[in-house]
Protein backbone atom coordinates (compact mmCIF):
# COMPACT_ATOMS: atom_id res chain seq x y z
CA UNK A 1 -12.95 -18.50 19.04
CA UNK A 2 -14.29 -19.22 22.52
CA UNK A 3 -17.74 -20.79 22.59
CA UNK A 4 -18.11 -19.70 18.94
CA UNK A 5 -17.22 -16.03 19.60
CA UNK A 6 -14.05 -14.46 18.23
CA UNK A 7 -11.55 -13.30 20.86
CA UNK A 8 -10.64 -9.58 20.70
CA UNK A 9 -7.55 -8.88 18.59
CA UNK A 10 -5.80 -7.01 21.42
CA UNK A 11 -5.66 -10.29 23.37
CA UNK A 12 -3.96 -12.16 20.52
CA UNK A 13 -0.36 -12.48 19.43
CA UNK A 14 0.01 -12.69 15.66
CA UNK A 15 2.96 -13.70 13.49
CA UNK A 16 1.55 -11.73 10.58
CA UNK A 17 1.21 -13.32 7.16
CA UNK A 18 4.54 -14.96 6.23
CA UNK A 19 5.76 -16.78 3.09
CA UNK A 20 6.42 -20.53 2.88
CA UNK A 21 9.09 -22.07 0.65
CA UNK A 22 6.51 -23.40 -1.83
CA UNK A 23 4.95 -20.03 -2.66
CA UNK A 24 2.06 -20.34 -0.19
CA UNK A 25 1.72 -18.36 3.03
CA UNK A 26 1.10 -18.99 6.70
CA UNK A 27 -0.43 -17.10 9.61
CA UNK A 28 -0.18 -17.97 13.30
CA UNK A 29 -2.30 -16.48 16.10
CA UNK A 30 -1.98 -17.35 19.79
CA UNK A 31 -3.72 -16.55 23.07
CA UNK A 32 -2.83 -17.46 26.64
CA UNK A 33 -5.49 -19.27 28.70
CA UNK A 34 -5.62 -21.13 31.99
CA UNK A 35 -4.50 -24.74 31.61
CA UNK A 36 -7.72 -26.03 33.20
CA UNK A 37 -10.08 -23.72 31.27
CA UNK A 38 -13.18 -25.84 30.44
CA UNK A 39 -14.33 -23.58 27.58
CA UNK A 40 -14.65 -24.77 23.98
CA UNK A 41 -11.97 -23.20 21.77
CA UNK A 42 -11.62 -23.50 18.01
CA UNK A 43 -9.92 -21.92 15.00
CA UNK A 44 -12.11 -20.24 12.37
CA UNK A 45 -10.66 -19.59 8.90
CA UNK A 46 -12.18 -17.94 5.84
CA UNK A 47 -10.31 -17.75 2.52
CA UNK A 48 -11.16 -17.04 -1.12
CA UNK A 49 -10.23 -20.63 -2.06
CA UNK A 50 -12.90 -22.06 0.28
CA UNK A 51 -16.61 -22.40 -0.43
CA UNK A 52 -17.31 -22.12 3.30
CA UNK A 53 -15.23 -21.31 6.39
CA UNK A 54 -13.09 -24.02 8.00
CA UNK A 55 -13.47 -24.59 11.76
CA UNK A 56 -10.85 -26.61 13.65
CA UNK A 57 -11.79 -27.53 17.22
CA UNK A 58 -9.06 -27.68 19.90
CA UNK A 59 -9.21 -31.06 21.62
CA UNK A 60 -7.46 -29.86 24.80
CA UNK A 61 -4.20 -31.35 23.54
CA UNK A 62 -1.07 -29.67 24.93
CA UNK A 63 2.28 -30.34 23.24
CA UNK A 64 4.01 -29.91 26.63
CA UNK A 65 1.71 -32.18 28.66
CA UNK A 66 3.38 -35.40 27.47
CA UNK A 67 6.63 -34.53 29.20
CA UNK A 68 5.57 -32.15 31.97
CA UNK A 69 2.59 -31.69 34.23
CA UNK A 70 0.23 -28.97 33.12
CA UNK A 71 -0.91 -28.00 36.62
CA UNK A 72 -2.31 -24.50 36.84
CA UNK A 73 0.22 -23.05 34.44
CA UNK A 74 -1.08 -21.13 31.44
CA UNK A 75 -1.21 -22.91 28.11
CA UNK A 76 -0.61 -21.17 24.79
CA UNK A 77 -3.06 -22.27 22.11
CA UNK A 78 -1.65 -21.85 18.61
CA UNK A 79 -4.30 -21.08 16.03
CA UNK A 80 -2.50 -21.95 12.82
CA UNK A 81 -3.49 -21.92 9.16
CA UNK A 82 -2.03 -21.67 5.68
CA UNK A 83 -3.46 -19.01 3.41
CA UNK A 84 -2.76 -17.56 -0.02
CA UNK A 85 -2.23 -13.82 0.04
CA UNK A 86 -4.51 -11.73 -2.18
CA UNK A 87 -2.81 -10.39 -5.28
CA UNK A 88 -3.82 -6.75 -5.68
CA UNK A 89 -3.03 -4.51 -8.65
CA UNK A 90 -3.80 -0.90 -9.52
CA UNK A 91 -3.87 1.48 -12.48
CA UNK A 92 -3.93 5.24 -11.88
CA UNK A 93 -3.51 8.36 -13.99
CA UNK A 94 -2.36 11.61 -12.40
CA UNK A 95 -2.67 15.05 -14.00
CA UNK A 96 -1.18 18.29 -12.66
CA UNK A 97 -1.71 21.82 -13.99
CA UNK A 98 -0.31 25.24 -13.07
CA UNK A 99 -1.98 28.46 -14.14
CA UNK A 100 1.23 29.82 -15.70
CA UNK A 101 4.78 28.87 -16.62
CA UNK A 102 7.17 29.16 -13.66
CA UNK A 103 10.32 28.90 -15.84
CA UNK A 104 11.92 26.20 -13.68
CA UNK A 105 13.69 23.14 -15.15
CA UNK A 106 11.51 20.04 -15.04
CA UNK A 107 8.40 22.01 -13.96
CA UNK A 108 5.72 22.31 -16.65
CA UNK A 109 2.34 23.99 -16.85
CA UNK A 110 0.77 20.58 -17.42
CA UNK A 111 1.93 17.01 -16.82
CA UNK A 112 0.25 13.61 -16.97
CA UNK A 113 1.52 10.17 -16.09
CA UNK A 114 0.18 6.63 -15.83
CA UNK A 115 1.08 4.31 -12.94
CA UNK A 116 0.62 0.54 -13.04
CA UNK A 117 1.26 -0.97 -9.60
CA UNK A 118 3.07 2.30 -8.75
CA UNK A 119 5.41 1.98 -11.75
CA UNK A 120 5.34 4.74 -14.37
CA UNK A 121 4.15 3.41 -17.73
CA UNK A 122 3.56 6.61 -19.75
CA UNK A 123 4.24 10.35 -19.53
CA UNK A 124 3.18 13.66 -21.11
CA UNK A 125 4.10 17.30 -20.52
CA UNK A 126 3.01 20.62 -22.00
CA UNK A 127 6.42 21.31 -23.56
CA UNK A 128 6.87 18.13 -25.61
CA UNK A 129 3.10 17.56 -26.02
CA UNK A 130 3.51 13.88 -26.77
CA UNK A 131 2.43 10.81 -24.81
CA UNK A 132 5.48 8.58 -24.50
CA UNK A 133 6.01 5.06 -23.07
CA UNK A 134 8.11 4.68 -19.93
CA UNK A 135 8.37 0.89 -20.02
CA UNK A 136 9.96 -1.09 -22.86
CA UNK A 137 7.06 -3.55 -22.95
CA UNK A 138 4.60 -0.65 -23.40
CA UNK A 139 6.55 0.48 -26.46
CA UNK A 140 6.63 -3.07 -27.85
CA UNK A 141 3.03 -4.10 -27.16
CA UNK A 142 1.02 -0.92 -27.81
CA UNK A 143 0.51 0.08 -31.45
CA UNK A 144 1.39 3.51 -32.83
CA UNK A 145 -2.26 4.60 -32.98
CA UNK A 146 -2.53 4.04 -29.20
CA UNK A 147 0.15 6.68 -28.64
CA UNK A 148 -1.32 9.03 -31.26
CA UNK A 149 -4.79 8.83 -29.70
CA UNK A 150 -3.22 9.16 -26.26
CA UNK A 151 -1.40 12.32 -27.32
CA UNK A 152 -4.64 13.89 -28.60
CA UNK A 153 -6.41 12.91 -25.38
CA UNK A 154 -3.68 14.52 -23.27
CA UNK A 155 -3.81 17.71 -25.36
CA UNK A 156 -7.58 17.91 -24.82
CA UNK A 157 -7.17 17.44 -21.08
CA UNK A 158 -4.44 20.08 -21.04
CA UNK A 159 -6.89 22.62 -22.51
CA UNK A 160 -9.62 21.49 -20.08
CA UNK A 161 -7.27 22.04 -17.16
CA UNK A 162 -6.30 25.53 -18.35
CA UNK A 163 -9.94 26.61 -18.40
CA UNK A 164 -10.75 25.11 -15.02
CA UNK A 165 -7.62 26.39 -13.29
CA UNK A 166 -8.67 29.91 -14.28
CA UNK A 167 -12.18 29.30 -12.93
CA UNK A 168 -10.78 28.14 -9.60
CA UNK A 169 -8.34 31.04 -9.42
CA UNK A 170 -11.24 33.50 -9.75
CA UNK A 171 -13.41 31.55 -7.33
CA UNK A 172 -10.69 31.29 -4.66
CA UNK A 173 -8.79 34.54 -5.34
CA UNK A 174 -5.39 32.90 -5.83
CA UNK A 175 -2.41 33.76 -8.00
CA UNK A 176 -0.11 30.78 -8.59
CA UNK A 177 -1.48 27.41 -7.56
CA UNK A 178 -1.95 23.87 -8.83
CA UNK A 179 -4.93 21.70 -9.73
CA UNK A 180 -4.46 17.92 -9.74
CA UNK A 181 -6.66 15.03 -10.90
CA UNK A 182 -6.15 11.37 -10.00
CA UNK A 183 -8.32 8.57 -11.28
CA UNK A 184 -8.01 4.81 -11.61
CA UNK A 185 -8.95 1.43 -10.20
CA UNK A 186 -7.76 -1.41 -8.00
CA UNK A 187 -8.39 -5.12 -8.50
CA UNK A 188 -7.77 -8.40 -6.70
CA UNK A 189 -6.50 -11.23 -8.90
CA UNK A 190 -6.51 -14.14 -6.43
CA UNK A 191 -6.80 -17.58 -8.02
CA UNK A 192 -6.63 -16.02 -11.49
CA UNK A 193 -10.03 -14.33 -11.15
CA UNK A 194 -10.25 -10.56 -11.54
CA UNK A 195 -12.33 -8.86 -8.84
CA UNK A 196 -12.98 -5.10 -8.83
CA UNK A 197 -12.01 -3.61 -5.46
CA UNK A 198 -12.11 0.15 -5.72
CA UNK A 199 -12.43 3.05 -8.14
CA UNK A 200 -10.97 6.49 -7.45
CA UNK A 201 -11.70 9.77 -9.23
CA UNK A 202 -10.60 12.78 -7.20
CA UNK A 203 -9.37 16.35 -7.56
CA UNK A 204 -7.12 18.37 -5.27
CA UNK A 205 -6.27 22.07 -5.21
CA UNK A 206 -2.94 23.08 -3.67
CA UNK A 207 -2.60 19.60 -2.24
CA UNK A 208 -5.93 19.70 -0.38
CA UNK A 209 -8.98 17.60 -1.26
CA UNK A 210 -11.33 19.50 -3.56
CA UNK A 211 -13.76 17.06 -5.20
CA UNK A 212 -14.14 13.27 -5.35
CA UNK A 213 -16.50 10.74 -6.89
CA UNK A 214 -18.50 8.41 -4.64
CA UNK A 215 -18.54 5.34 -6.84
CA UNK A 216 -21.06 3.45 -4.69
CA UNK A 217 -23.71 6.20 -4.78
CA UNK A 218 -22.69 7.69 -8.15
CA UNK A 219 -22.43 11.27 -6.86
CA UNK A 220 -19.66 13.84 -6.40
CA UNK A 221 -18.53 14.82 -2.90
CA UNK A 222 -17.42 18.39 -2.18
CA UNK A 223 -15.42 18.74 1.08
CA UNK A 224 -14.97 22.51 0.60
CA UNK A 225 -17.49 25.22 -0.23
CA UNK A 226 -15.58 26.34 -3.34
CA UNK A 227 -16.27 22.93 -4.91
CA UNK A 228 -20.06 23.08 -4.39
CA UNK A 229 -20.84 24.79 -7.75
CA UNK A 230 -18.87 22.11 -9.62
CA UNK A 231 -20.56 19.32 -7.66
CA UNK A 232 -24.04 20.64 -8.48
CA UNK A 233 -23.15 21.06 -12.15
CA UNK A 234 -21.67 17.57 -12.56
CA UNK A 235 -24.34 15.81 -10.51
CA UNK A 236 -26.89 17.51 -12.75
CA UNK A 237 -25.54 15.57 -15.73
CA UNK A 238 -26.48 11.99 -14.82
CA UNK A 239 -24.90 10.53 -17.95
CA UNK A 240 -21.52 11.95 -16.82
CA UNK A 241 -21.74 10.13 -13.49
CA UNK A 242 -22.84 6.94 -15.23
CA UNK A 243 -19.84 7.19 -17.55
CA UNK A 244 -17.47 7.84 -14.63
CA UNK A 245 -18.72 4.77 -12.76
CA UNK A 246 -18.56 2.66 -15.92
CA UNK A 247 -15.01 3.78 -16.65
CA UNK A 248 -13.79 2.95 -13.13
CA UNK A 249 -15.48 -0.45 -12.89
CA UNK A 250 -15.19 -1.66 -16.50
CA UNK A 251 -12.88 0.25 -18.86
CA UNK A 252 -10.15 0.92 -16.30
CA UNK A 253 -10.20 -2.73 -15.18
CA UNK A 254 -9.95 -3.86 -18.82
CA UNK A 255 -6.88 -1.68 -19.43
CA UNK A 256 -5.34 -2.77 -16.13
CA UNK A 257 -5.64 -6.48 -16.91
CA UNK A 258 -4.33 -5.90 -20.45
CA UNK A 259 -1.28 -3.99 -19.18
CA UNK A 260 -0.65 -6.66 -16.52
CA UNK A 261 -0.61 -9.32 -19.23
CA UNK A 262 1.70 -7.30 -21.50
CA UNK A 263 4.18 -6.47 -18.74
CA UNK A 264 3.88 -9.60 -16.62
CA UNK A 265 7.56 -10.54 -16.87
CA UNK A 266 8.60 -7.16 -15.48
CA UNK A 267 5.72 -6.48 -13.11
CA UNK A 268 5.76 -9.87 -11.41
CA UNK A 269 9.52 -9.79 -10.86
CA UNK A 270 10.10 -9.52 -7.11
CA UNK A 271 13.19 -7.79 -5.70
CA UNK A 272 14.40 -8.84 -2.23
CA UNK A 273 15.26 -6.12 0.29
CA UNK A 274 18.57 -5.18 1.87
CA UNK A 275 18.22 -4.74 5.63
CA UNK A 276 20.44 -2.50 7.78
CA UNK A 277 20.51 -1.79 11.53
CA UNK A 278 22.33 1.27 12.89
CA UNK A 279 22.08 3.98 15.54
CA UNK A 280 22.76 7.69 15.88
CA UNK A 281 22.79 10.06 18.82
CA UNK A 282 19.34 11.29 19.75
CA UNK A 283 18.71 14.94 18.93
CA UNK A 284 16.31 15.18 21.87
CA UNK A 285 18.21 13.40 24.66
CA UNK A 286 22.01 13.17 24.83
CA UNK A 287 21.81 9.98 26.91
CA UNK A 288 19.84 8.15 24.23
CA UNK A 289 20.43 6.89 20.71
CA UNK A 290 18.00 6.53 17.84
CA UNK A 291 18.10 2.90 16.68
CA UNK A 292 17.02 2.53 13.04
CA UNK A 293 16.01 -0.43 10.90
CA UNK A 294 16.26 0.31 7.18
CA UNK A 295 14.90 -1.95 4.44
CA UNK A 296 15.58 -0.87 0.87
CA UNK A 297 15.55 -2.18 -2.70
CA UNK A 298 12.39 -4.27 -2.39
CA UNK A 299 9.48 -4.73 -4.84
CA UNK A 300 6.51 -4.98 -4.62
CA UNK A 301 6.07 -2.41 -1.90
CA UNK A 302 4.07 -4.46 0.63
CA UNK A 303 6.45 -5.34 3.45
CA UNK A 304 6.40 -6.04 7.20
CA UNK A 305 9.31 -4.55 9.18
CA UNK A 306 9.64 -4.77 12.97
CA UNK A 307 12.15 -3.38 15.45
CA UNK A 308 12.58 -6.05 18.13
CA UNK A 309 14.00 -6.25 21.66
CA UNK A 310 14.98 -9.75 22.80
CA UNK A 311 13.00 -11.13 19.85
CA UNK A 312 9.76 -9.29 20.72
CA UNK A 313 8.43 -6.54 18.45
CA UNK A 314 8.45 -3.09 20.01
CA UNK A 315 4.91 -1.58 19.98
CA UNK A 316 4.20 0.61 16.94
CA UNK A 317 3.23 3.63 19.07
CA UNK A 318 6.87 3.81 20.24
CA UNK A 319 8.18 3.65 16.67
CA UNK A 320 8.86 6.51 14.25
CA UNK A 321 8.42 5.45 10.62
CA UNK A 322 9.23 7.06 7.29
CA UNK A 323 6.44 5.16 5.60
CA UNK A 324 7.14 3.22 2.41
CA UNK A 325 8.95 5.48 -0.07
CA UNK A 326 10.05 4.97 -3.69
CA UNK A 327 13.68 4.66 -4.79
CA UNK A 328 14.75 6.01 -8.17
CA UNK A 329 15.10 2.49 -9.63
CA UNK A 330 11.45 1.48 -9.14
CA UNK A 331 12.03 -0.32 -5.83
CA UNK A 332 11.02 0.88 -2.36
CA UNK A 333 12.46 1.61 1.05
CA UNK A 334 11.11 1.73 4.62
CA UNK A 335 12.77 3.12 7.73
CA UNK A 336 11.68 2.56 11.34
CA UNK A 337 13.37 4.05 14.42
CA UNK A 338 13.07 3.91 18.20
CA UNK A 339 14.91 5.84 20.91
CA UNK A 340 16.73 3.72 23.50
CA UNK A 341 19.23 4.35 26.30
CA UNK A 342 22.76 4.57 24.96
CA UNK A 343 23.98 1.92 27.41
CA UNK A 344 21.01 -0.42 27.00
CA UNK A 345 22.45 -3.98 27.11
CA UNK A 346 19.39 -5.57 25.45
CA UNK A 347 19.59 -7.47 22.17
CA UNK A 348 17.92 -5.49 19.38
CA UNK A 349 17.30 -6.61 15.83
CA UNK A 350 15.28 -5.87 12.69
CA UNK A 351 12.85 -8.52 11.44
CA UNK A 352 11.45 -8.29 7.91
CA UNK A 353 9.03 -10.36 5.83
CA UNK A 354 8.44 -9.81 2.10
CA UNK A 355 6.91 -11.78 -0.77
CA UNK A 356 10.36 -12.18 -2.39
CA UNK A 357 11.65 -14.08 0.66
CA UNK A 358 11.09 -17.72 1.59
CA UNK A 359 11.58 -16.87 5.26
CA UNK A 360 11.89 -13.70 7.38
CA UNK A 361 15.20 -11.83 7.43
CA UNK A 362 16.65 -10.87 10.81
CA UNK A 363 19.39 -8.23 11.09
CA UNK A 364 21.00 -7.94 14.52
CA UNK A 365 22.17 -4.53 15.75
CA UNK A 366 25.81 -4.86 16.78
CA UNK A 367 25.74 -1.79 19.06
CA UNK A 368 27.29 0.23 16.25
CA UNK A 369 26.72 3.98 16.50
CA UNK A 370 27.29 6.09 13.37
CA UNK A 371 28.41 9.02 15.56
CA UNK A 372 31.21 7.10 17.30
């Protein structure tokens, strides 16, 4: 801060949150100022472990001034602090229904699955009509009556979906389409305390938003006209909206924390990523190559991957990214690419930070082209 006012983020250089060897984290932010700037600068830090923010005033000390004259050269102030990264978890259930059997392998009229931190924990389909565990610890920890009650619940929802798919088909004049429902909650478990973050209850039709629950105002939101009749009907039953809010904030959180405790050995196991750097000929310009950084095999899915030139991250607006995608073994992958001149002599590398690593991983591109 300068005179007690935060400097704009676009003026700052940030290291991003990075892991230390002892399980804590660090974050470094810097700004360039004139060496003789008389302003008051300080570092302001707020963290869940603190009762009030910490402010560290800069005493105009320059690490380089002891051995070299400062003159009018610019001085880099390092705003530095150690923080503990929030530990977020989620529990979601996803239901999908078609209006008729399409007779394709693996495609059912109705499916339902549970996801804990993006890992599948249970599954149901209209052919087998049985809720089954997808994690060994779910099978071990949850009693038989849990699965029996779960099966009956899924069968009831399957019938509910059949009725409502037909209603939507008539309302929207469609033949073969899909209705999906996703609901669940997210929590923050920093310092061992469970804090509710967000509740989601939403419907989509053919992949487009159809209806969602506003948990803060306890009302349904209809982004399309075809959903208005349903919104009016459901908002007219206040006890339904009260139940929905209660489920998201209380019951869902209770199940989430219970599942986290039962599966903690598996869920808290971190997998380090493999990092690869390679290039291919550009499909748009024959004189260029597409340089790609690929990180794969990591869990959990939060990761920071940068494509760098001479050790400096290339701006994100120049980067093409795949987004974080799941692998078939429960881990994740992320791919980032940038187009460069084929004869560019610069040093390029991939820099990655992840919670499974004690320090960032750097993978240098050795000018290898897959097309050569």
